[in-house]
Amino acid sequence: MIKLNGMEKLSALIKYWIEHNREHAEEIRRFAEEFSDFKDELLKASSKLLETNEELEKILRRVDEGNKA
């Protein structure tokens, strides 16, 4: 079994969260098309997930740079 240090674990978790958020954002966009009464709100929610990913990607770059040192 491979044991990860704290930064490696954080990197792996962030990568998972980013993909997980992408999948949910896509799913929400599909529902927005199906439920037009809620389209604007659903699209806004989807966008917020992608904005969250932008922040997670910034953190991931810092974490991965720290792992190279």
PDB file of N, CA and C in Angstrom:
ATOM      1  N   MET A   1       0.831  -1.171   0.000  1.00  0.00           N
ATOM      2  CA  MET A   1       0.000   0.000   0.000  1.00  0.00           C
ATOM      3  C   MET A   1       0.886   1.248   0.000  1.00  0.00           C
ATOM      4  N   ILE A   2       0.543   2.205  -0.877  1.00  0.00           N
ATOM      5  CA  ILE A   2       1.312   3.436  -0.979  1.00  0.00           C
ATOM      6  C   ILE A   2       0.781   4.432   0.045  1.00  0.00           C
ATOM      7  N   LYS A   3       1.691   4.986   0.827  1.00  0.00           N
ATOM      8  CA  LYS A   3       1.303   5.984   1.823  1.00  0.00           C
ATOM      9  C   LYS A   3       1.641   7.369   1.268  1.00  0.00           C
ATOM     10  N   LEU A   4       0.635   8.245   1.226  1.00  0.00           N
ATOM     11  CA  LEU A   4       0.828   9.600   0.727  1.00  0.00           C
ATOM     12  C   LEU A   4       1.123  10.545   1.872  1.00  0.00           C
ATOM     13  N   ASN A   5       2.008  11.521   1.607  1.00  0.00           N
ATOM     14  CA  ASN A   5       2.192  12.555   2.617  1.00  0.00           C
ATOM     15  C   ASN A   5       1.011  13.519   2.522  1.00  0.00           C
ATOM     16  N   GLY A   6       0.930  14.465   3.438  1.00  0.00           N
ATOM     17  CA  GLY A   6      -0.213  15.374   3.492  1.00  0.00           C
ATOM     18  C   GLY A   6      -0.446  16.148   2.201  1.00  0.00           C
ATOM     19  N   MET A   7       0.624  16.671   1.597  1.00  0.00           N
ATOM     20  CA  MET A   7       0.495  17.456   0.371  1.00  0.00           C
ATOM     21  C   MET A   7       0.069  16.580  -0.803  1.00  0.00           C
ATOM     22  N   GLU A   8       0.585  15.372  -0.870  1.00  0.00           N
ATOM     23  CA  GLU A   8       0.186  14.445  -1.942  1.00  0.00           C
ATOM     24  C   GLU A   8      -1.290  14.089  -1.804  1.00  0.00           C
ATOM     25  N   LYS A   9      -1.716  13.882  -0.576  1.00  0.00           N
ATOM     26  CA  LYS A   9      -3.119  13.567  -0.332  1.00  0.00           C
ATOM     27  C   LYS A   9      -4.002  14.749  -0.724  1.00  0.00           C
ATOM     28  N   LEU A  10      -3.593  15.962  -0.329  1.00  0.00           N
ATOM     29  CA  LEU A  10      -4.356  17.148  -0.690  1.00  0.00           C
ATOM     30  C   LEU A  10      -4.436  17.297  -2.207  1.00  0.00           C
ATOM     31  N   SER A  11      -3.343  17.077  -2.901  1.00  0.00           N
ATOM     32  CA  SER A  11      -3.323  17.158  -4.358  1.00  0.00           C
ATOM     33  C   SER A  11      -4.305  16.160  -4.974  1.00  0.00           C
ATOM     34  N   ALA A  12      -4.276  14.935  -4.482  1.00  0.00           N
ATOM     35  CA  ALA A  12      -5.178  13.903  -5.001  1.00  0.00           C
ATOM     36  C   ALA A  12      -6.639  14.271  -4.736  1.00  0.00           C
ATOM     37  N   LEU A  13      -6.922  14.771  -3.553  1.00  0.00           N
ATOM     38  CA  LEU A  13      -8.294  15.163  -3.220  1.00  0.00           C
ATOM     39  C   LEU A  13      -8.774  16.322  -4.083  1.00  0.00           C
ATOM     40  N   ILE A  14      -7.930  17.323  -4.286  1.00  0.00           N
ATOM     41  CA  ILE A  14      -8.326  18.465  -5.101  1.00  0.00           C
ATOM     42  C   ILE A  14      -8.615  18.023  -6.530  1.00  0.00           C
ATOM     43  N   LYS A  15      -7.776  17.155  -7.067  1.00  0.00           N
ATOM     44  CA  LYS A  15      -8.016  16.640  -8.431  1.00  0.00           C
ATOM     45  C   LYS A  15      -9.361  15.931  -8.497  1.00  0.00           C
ATOM     46  N   TYR A  16      -9.664  15.149  -7.487  1.00  0.00           N
ATOM     47  CA  TYR A  16     -10.954  14.458  -7.427  1.00  0.00           C
ATOM     48  C   TYR A  16     -12.093  15.465  -7.354  1.00  0.00           C
ATOM     49  N   TRP A  17     -11.960  16.475  -6.473  1.00  0.00           N
ATOM     50  CA  TRP A  17     -13.028  17.468  -6.320  1.00  0.00           C
ATOM     51  C   TRP A  17     -13.275  18.227  -7.613  1.00  0.00           C
ATOM     52  N   ILE A  18     -12.209  18.572  -8.326  1.00  0.00           N
ATOM     53  CA  ILE A  18     -12.350  19.298  -9.590  1.00  0.00           C
ATOM     54  C   ILE A  18     -13.152  18.470 -10.591  1.00  0.00           C
ATOM     55  N   GLU A  19     -12.797  17.224 -10.737  1.00  0.00           N
ATOM     56  CA  GLU A  19     -13.525  16.358 -11.682  1.00  0.00           C
ATOM     57  C   GLU A  19     -14.970  16.166 -11.227  1.00  0.00           C
ATOM     58  N   HIS A  20     -15.149  15.962  -9.955  1.00  0.00           N
ATOM     59  CA  HIS A  20     -16.484  15.768  -9.384  1.00  0.00           C
ATOM     60  C   HIS A  20     -17.360  17.002  -9.653  1.00  0.00           C
ATOM     61  N   ASN A  21     -16.809  18.179  -9.430  1.00  0.00           N
ATOM     62  CA  ASN A  21     -17.544  19.415  -9.697  1.00  0.00           C
ATOM     63  C   ASN A  21     -17.876  19.569 -11.174  1.00  0.00           C
ATOM     64  N   ARG A  22     -16.919  19.210 -12.054  1.00  0.00           N
ATOM     65  CA  ARG A  22     -17.176  19.287 -13.500  1.00  0.00           C
ATOM     66  C   ARG A  22     -18.366  18.417 -13.884  1.00  0.00           C
ATOM     67  N   GLU A  23     -18.376  17.215 -13.352  1.00  0.00           N
ATOM     68  CA  GLU A  23     -19.480  16.296 -13.657  1.00  0.00           C
ATOM     69  C   GLU A  23     -20.810  16.864 -13.181  1.00  0.00           C
ATOM     70  N   HIS A  24     -20.826  17.405 -11.987  1.00  0.00           N
ATOM     71  CA  HIS A  24     -22.070  17.985 -11.459  1.00  0.00           C
ATOM     72  C   HIS A  24     -22.484  19.226 -12.248  1.00  0.00           C
ATOM     73  N   ALA A  25     -21.530  20.056 -12.623  1.00  0.00           N
ATOM     74  CA  ALA A  25     -21.852  21.255 -13.404  1.00  0.00           C
ATOM     75  C   ALA A  25     -22.497  20.868 -14.725  1.00  0.00           C
ATOM     76  N   GLU A  26     -21.956  19.839 -15.357  1.00  0.00           N
ATOM     77  CA  GLU A  26     -22.518  19.352 -16.620  1.00  0.00           C
ATOM     78  C   GLU A  26     -23.936  18.814 -16.416  1.00  0.00           C
ATOM     79  N   GLU A  27     -24.114  18.056 -15.370  1.00  0.00           N
ATOM     80  CA  GLU A  27     -25.435  17.496 -15.061  1.00  0.00           C
ATOM     81  C   GLU A  27     -26.450  18.612 -14.789  1.00  0.00           C
ATOM     82  N   ILE A  28     -26.043  19.620 -14.053  1.00  0.00           N
ATOM     83  CA  ILE A  28     -26.929  20.743 -13.750  1.00  0.00           C
ATOM     84  C   ILE A  28     -27.308  21.469 -15.033  1.00  0.00           C
ATOM     85  N   ARG A  29     -26.349  21.661 -15.938  1.00  0.00           N
ATOM     86  CA  ARG A  29     -26.662  22.326 -17.222  1.00  0.00           C
ATOM     87  C   ARG A  29     -27.684  21.526 -18.012  1.00  0.00           C
ATOM     88  N   ARG A  30     -27.577  20.202 -17.982  1.00  0.00           N
ATOM     89  CA  ARG A  30     -28.579  19.367 -18.687  1.00  0.00           C
ATOM     90  C   ARG A  30     -29.959  19.570 -18.077  1.00  0.00           C
ATOM     91  N   PHE A  31     -30.026  19.609 -16.763  1.00  0.00           N
ATOM     92  CA  PHE A  31     -31.313  19.838 -16.104  1.00  0.00           C
ATOM     93  C   PHE A  31     -31.848  21.230 -16.397  1.00  0.00           C
ATOM     94  N   ALA A  32     -30.967  22.201 -16.555  1.00  0.00           N
ATOM     95  CA  ALA A  32     -31.400  23.565 -16.872  1.00  0.00           C
ATOM     96  C   ALA A  32     -32.166  23.594 -18.194  1.00  0.00           C
ATOM     97  N   GLU A  33     -31.734  22.795 -19.141  1.00  0.00           N
ATOM     98  CA  GLU A  33     -32.433  22.742 -20.428  1.00  0.00           C
ATOM     99  C   GLU A  33     -33.791  22.057 -20.289  1.00  0.00           C
ATOM    100  N   GLU A  34     -33.851  21.091 -19.415  1.00  0.00           N
ATOM    101  CA  GLU A  34     -35.095  20.329 -19.233  1.00  0.00           C
ATOM    102  C   GLU A  34     -36.128  21.103 -18.396  1.00  0.00           C
ATOM    103  N   PHE A  35     -35.665  21.870 -17.428  1.00  0.00           N
ATOM    104  CA  PHE A  35     -36.558  22.583 -16.521  1.00  0.00           C
ATOM    105  C   PHE A  35     -36.389  24.090 -16.729  1.00  0.00           C
ATOM    106  N   SER A  36     -36.998  24.573 -17.790  1.00  0.00           N
ATOM    107  CA  SER A  36     -36.793  25.963 -18.204  1.00  0.00           C
ATOM    108  C   SER A  36     -37.246  26.973 -17.146  1.00  0.00           C
ATOM    109  N   ASP A  37     -38.197  26.611 -16.293  1.00  0.00           N
ATOM    110  CA  ASP A  37     -38.631  27.539 -15.241  1.00  0.00           C
ATOM    111  C   ASP A  37     -37.503  27.854 -14.255  1.00  0.00           C
ATOM    112  N   PHE A  38     -36.520  26.981 -14.184  1.00  0.00           N
ATOM    113  CA  PHE A  38     -35.405  27.145 -13.255  1.00  0.00           C
ATOM    114  C   PHE A  38     -34.073  27.319 -13.986  1.00  0.00           C
ATOM    115  N   LYS A  39     -34.142  27.535 -15.286  1.00  0.00           N
ATOM    116  CA  LYS A  39     -32.935  27.544 -16.119  1.00  0.00           C
ATOM    117  C   LYS A  39     -31.883  28.535 -15.622  1.00  0.00           C
ATOM    118  N   ASP A  40     -32.288  29.780 -15.396  1.00  0.00           N
ATOM    119  CA  ASP A  40     -31.310  30.800 -14.985  1.00  0.00           C
ATOM    120  C   ASP A  40     -30.616  30.427 -13.687  1.00  0.00           C
ATOM    121  N   GLU A  41     -31.400  29.978 -12.721  1.00  0.00           N
ATOM    122  CA  GLU A  41     -30.830  29.626 -11.425  1.00  0.00           C
ATOM    123  C   GLU A  41     -29.915  28.405 -11.521  1.00  0.00           C
ATOM    124  N   LEU A  42     -30.338  27.431 -12.302  1.00  0.00           N
ATOM    125  CA  LEU A  42     -29.513  26.231 -12.470  1.00  0.00           C
ATOM    126  C   LEU A  42     -28.212  26.561 -13.196  1.00  0.00           C
ATOM    127  N   LEU A  43     -28.289  27.402 -14.219  1.00  0.00           N
ATOM    128  CA  LEU A  43     -27.067  27.778 -14.927  1.00  0.00           C
ATOM    129  C   LEU A  43     -26.131  28.574 -14.010  1.00  0.00           C
ATOM    130  N   LYS A  44     -26.696  29.388 -13.153  1.00  0.00           N
ATOM    131  CA  LYS A  44     -25.882  30.132 -12.192  1.00  0.00           C
ATOM    132  C   LYS A  44     -25.187  29.173 -11.227  1.00  0.00           C
ATOM    133  N   ALA A  45     -25.923  28.189 -10.753  1.00  0.00           N
ATOM    134  CA  ALA A  45     -25.337  27.191  -9.843  1.00  0.00           C
ATOM    135  C   ALA A  45     -24.211  26.431 -10.540  1.00  0.00           C
ATOM    136  N   SER A  46     -24.432  26.062 -11.788  1.00  0.00           N
ATOM    137  CA  SER A  46     -23.407  25.356 -12.557  1.00  0.00           C
ATOM    138  C   SER A  46     -22.157  26.215 -12.699  1.00  0.00           C
ATOM    139  N   SER A  47     -22.359  27.493 -13.002  1.00  0.00           N
ATOM    140  CA  SER A  47     -21.223  28.414 -13.145  1.00  0.00           C
ATOM    141  C   SER A  47     -20.444  28.547 -11.843  1.00  0.00           C
ATOM    142  N   LYS A  48     -21.153  28.563 -10.730  1.00  0.00           N
ATOM    143  CA  LYS A  48     -20.477  28.689  -9.435  1.00  0.00           C
ATOM    144  C   LYS A  48     -19.601  27.470  -9.145  1.00  0.00           C
ATOM    145  N   LEU A  49     -20.049  26.297  -9.566  1.00  0.00           N
ATOM    146  CA  LEU A  49     -19.204  25.110  -9.392  1.00  0.00           C
ATOM    147  C   LEU A  49     -17.921  25.263 -10.201  1.00  0.00           C
ATOM    148  N   LEU A  50     -18.049  25.782 -11.418  1.00  0.00           N
ATOM    149  CA  LEU A  50     -16.865  25.957 -12.249  1.00  0.00           C
ATOM    150  C   LEU A  50     -15.958  27.058 -11.692  1.00  0.00           C
ATOM    151  N   GLU A  51     -16.543  28.092 -11.090  1.00  0.00           N
ATOM    152  CA  GLU A  51     -15.743  29.121 -10.422  1.00  0.00           C
ATOM    153  C   GLU A  51     -14.991  28.517  -9.236  1.00  0.00           C
ATOM    154  N   THR A  52     -15.656  27.639  -8.515  1.00  0.00           N
ATOM    155  CA  THR A  52     -15.001  26.946  -7.401  1.00  0.00           C
ATOM    156  C   THR A  52     -13.811  26.160  -7.921  1.00  0.00           C
ATOM    157  N   ASN A  53     -13.982  25.513  -9.064  1.00  0.00           N
ATOM    158  CA  ASN A  53     -12.872  24.761  -9.653  1.00  0.00           C
ATOM    159  C   ASN A  53     -11.691  25.659  -9.971  1.00  0.00           C
ATOM    160  N   GLU A  54     -11.953  26.882 -10.412  1.00  0.00           N
ATOM    161  CA  GLU A  54     -10.851  27.801 -10.690  1.00  0.00           C
ATOM    162  C   GLU A  54     -10.032  28.050  -9.429  1.00  0.00           C
ATOM    163  N   GLU A  55     -10.705  28.220  -8.308  1.00  0.00           N
ATOM    164  CA  GLU A  55      -9.996  28.415  -7.044  1.00  0.00           C
ATOM    165  C   GLU A  55      -9.243  27.150  -6.639  1.00  0.00           C
ATOM    166  N   LEU A  56      -9.878  26.003  -6.809  1.00  0.00           N
ATOM    167  CA  LEU A  56      -9.212  24.736  -6.488  1.00  0.00           C
ATOM    168  C   LEU A  56      -7.982  24.526  -7.369  1.00  0.00           C
ATOM    169  N   GLU A  57      -8.067  24.919  -8.639  1.00  0.00           N
ATOM    170  CA  GLU A  57      -6.922  24.772  -9.543  1.00  0.00           C
ATOM    171  C   GLU A  57      -5.763  25.660  -9.108  1.00  0.00           C
ATOM    172  N   LYS A  58      -6.059  26.855  -8.604  1.00  0.00           N
ATOM    173  CA  LYS A  58      -5.003  27.730  -8.077  1.00  0.00           C
ATOM    174  C   LYS A  58      -4.301  27.057  -6.895  1.00  0.00           C
ATOM    175  N   ILE A  59      -5.109  26.492  -6.005  1.00  0.00           N
ATOM    176  CA  ILE A  59      -4.544  25.802  -4.841  1.00  0.00           C
ATOM    177  C   ILE A  59      -3.709  24.609  -5.295  1.00  0.00           C
ATOM    178  N   LEU A  60      -4.238  23.859  -6.249  1.00  0.00           N
ATOM    179  CA  LEU A  60      -3.537  22.667  -6.747  1.00  0.00           C
ATOM    180  C   LEU A  60      -2.172  23.036  -7.312  1.00  0.00           C
ATOM    181  N   ARG A  61      -2.100  24.129  -8.067  1.00  0.00           N
ATOM    182  CA  ARG A  61      -0.797  24.554  -8.607  1.00  0.00           C
ATOM    183  C   ARG A  61       0.191  24.837  -7.478  1.00  0.00           C
ATOM    184  N   ARG A  62      -0.276  25.501  -6.437  1.00  0.00           N
ATOM    185  CA  ARG A  62       0.605  25.793  -5.290  1.00  0.00           C
ATOM    186  C   ARG A  62       1.039  24.517  -4.582  1.00  0.00           C
ATOM    187  N   VAL A  63       0.095  23.615  -4.390  1.00  0.00           N
ATOM    188  CA  VAL A  63       0.402  22.351  -3.710  1.00  0.00           C
ATOM    189  C   VAL A  63       1.417  21.560  -4.532  1.00  0.00           C
ATOM    190  N   ASP A  64       1.166  21.461  -5.839  1.00  0.00           N
ATOM    191  CA  ASP A  64       2.068  20.675  -6.689  1.00  0.00           C
ATOM    192  C   ASP A  64       3.438  21.310  -6.794  1.00  0.00           C
ATOM    193  N   GLU A  65       3.516  22.643  -6.789  1.00  0.00           N
ATOM    194  CA  GLU A  65       4.822  23.308  -6.786  1.00  0.00           C
ATOM    195  C   GLU A  65       5.556  22.995  -5.484  1.00  0.00           C
ATOM    196  N   GLY A  66       4.847  22.967  -4.373  1.00  0.00           N
ATOM    197  CA  GLY A  66       5.446  22.645  -3.095  1.00  0.00           C
ATOM    198  C   GLY A  66       5.981  21.219  -3.037  1.00  0.00           C
ATOM    199  N   ASN A  67       5.329  20.319  -3.760  1.00  0.00           N
ATOM    200  CA  ASN A  67       5.763  18.924  -3.777  1.00  0.00           C
ATOM    201  C   ASN A  67       7.044  18.736  -4.585  1.00  0.00           C
ATOM    202  N   LYS A  68       7.354  19.673  -5.475  1.00  0.00           N
ATOM    203  CA  LYS A  68       8.563  19.564  -6.298  1.00  0.00           C
ATOM    204  C   LYS A  68       9.806  20.008  -5.549  1.00  0.00           C
ATOM    205  N   ALA A  69       9.577  20.820  -4.517  1.00  0.00           N
ATOM    206  CA  ALA A  69      10.729  21.385  -3.772  1.00  0.00           C
ATOM    207  C   ALA A  69      11.443  20.343  -2.963  1.00  0.00           C
TER     208      ALA A  69
END
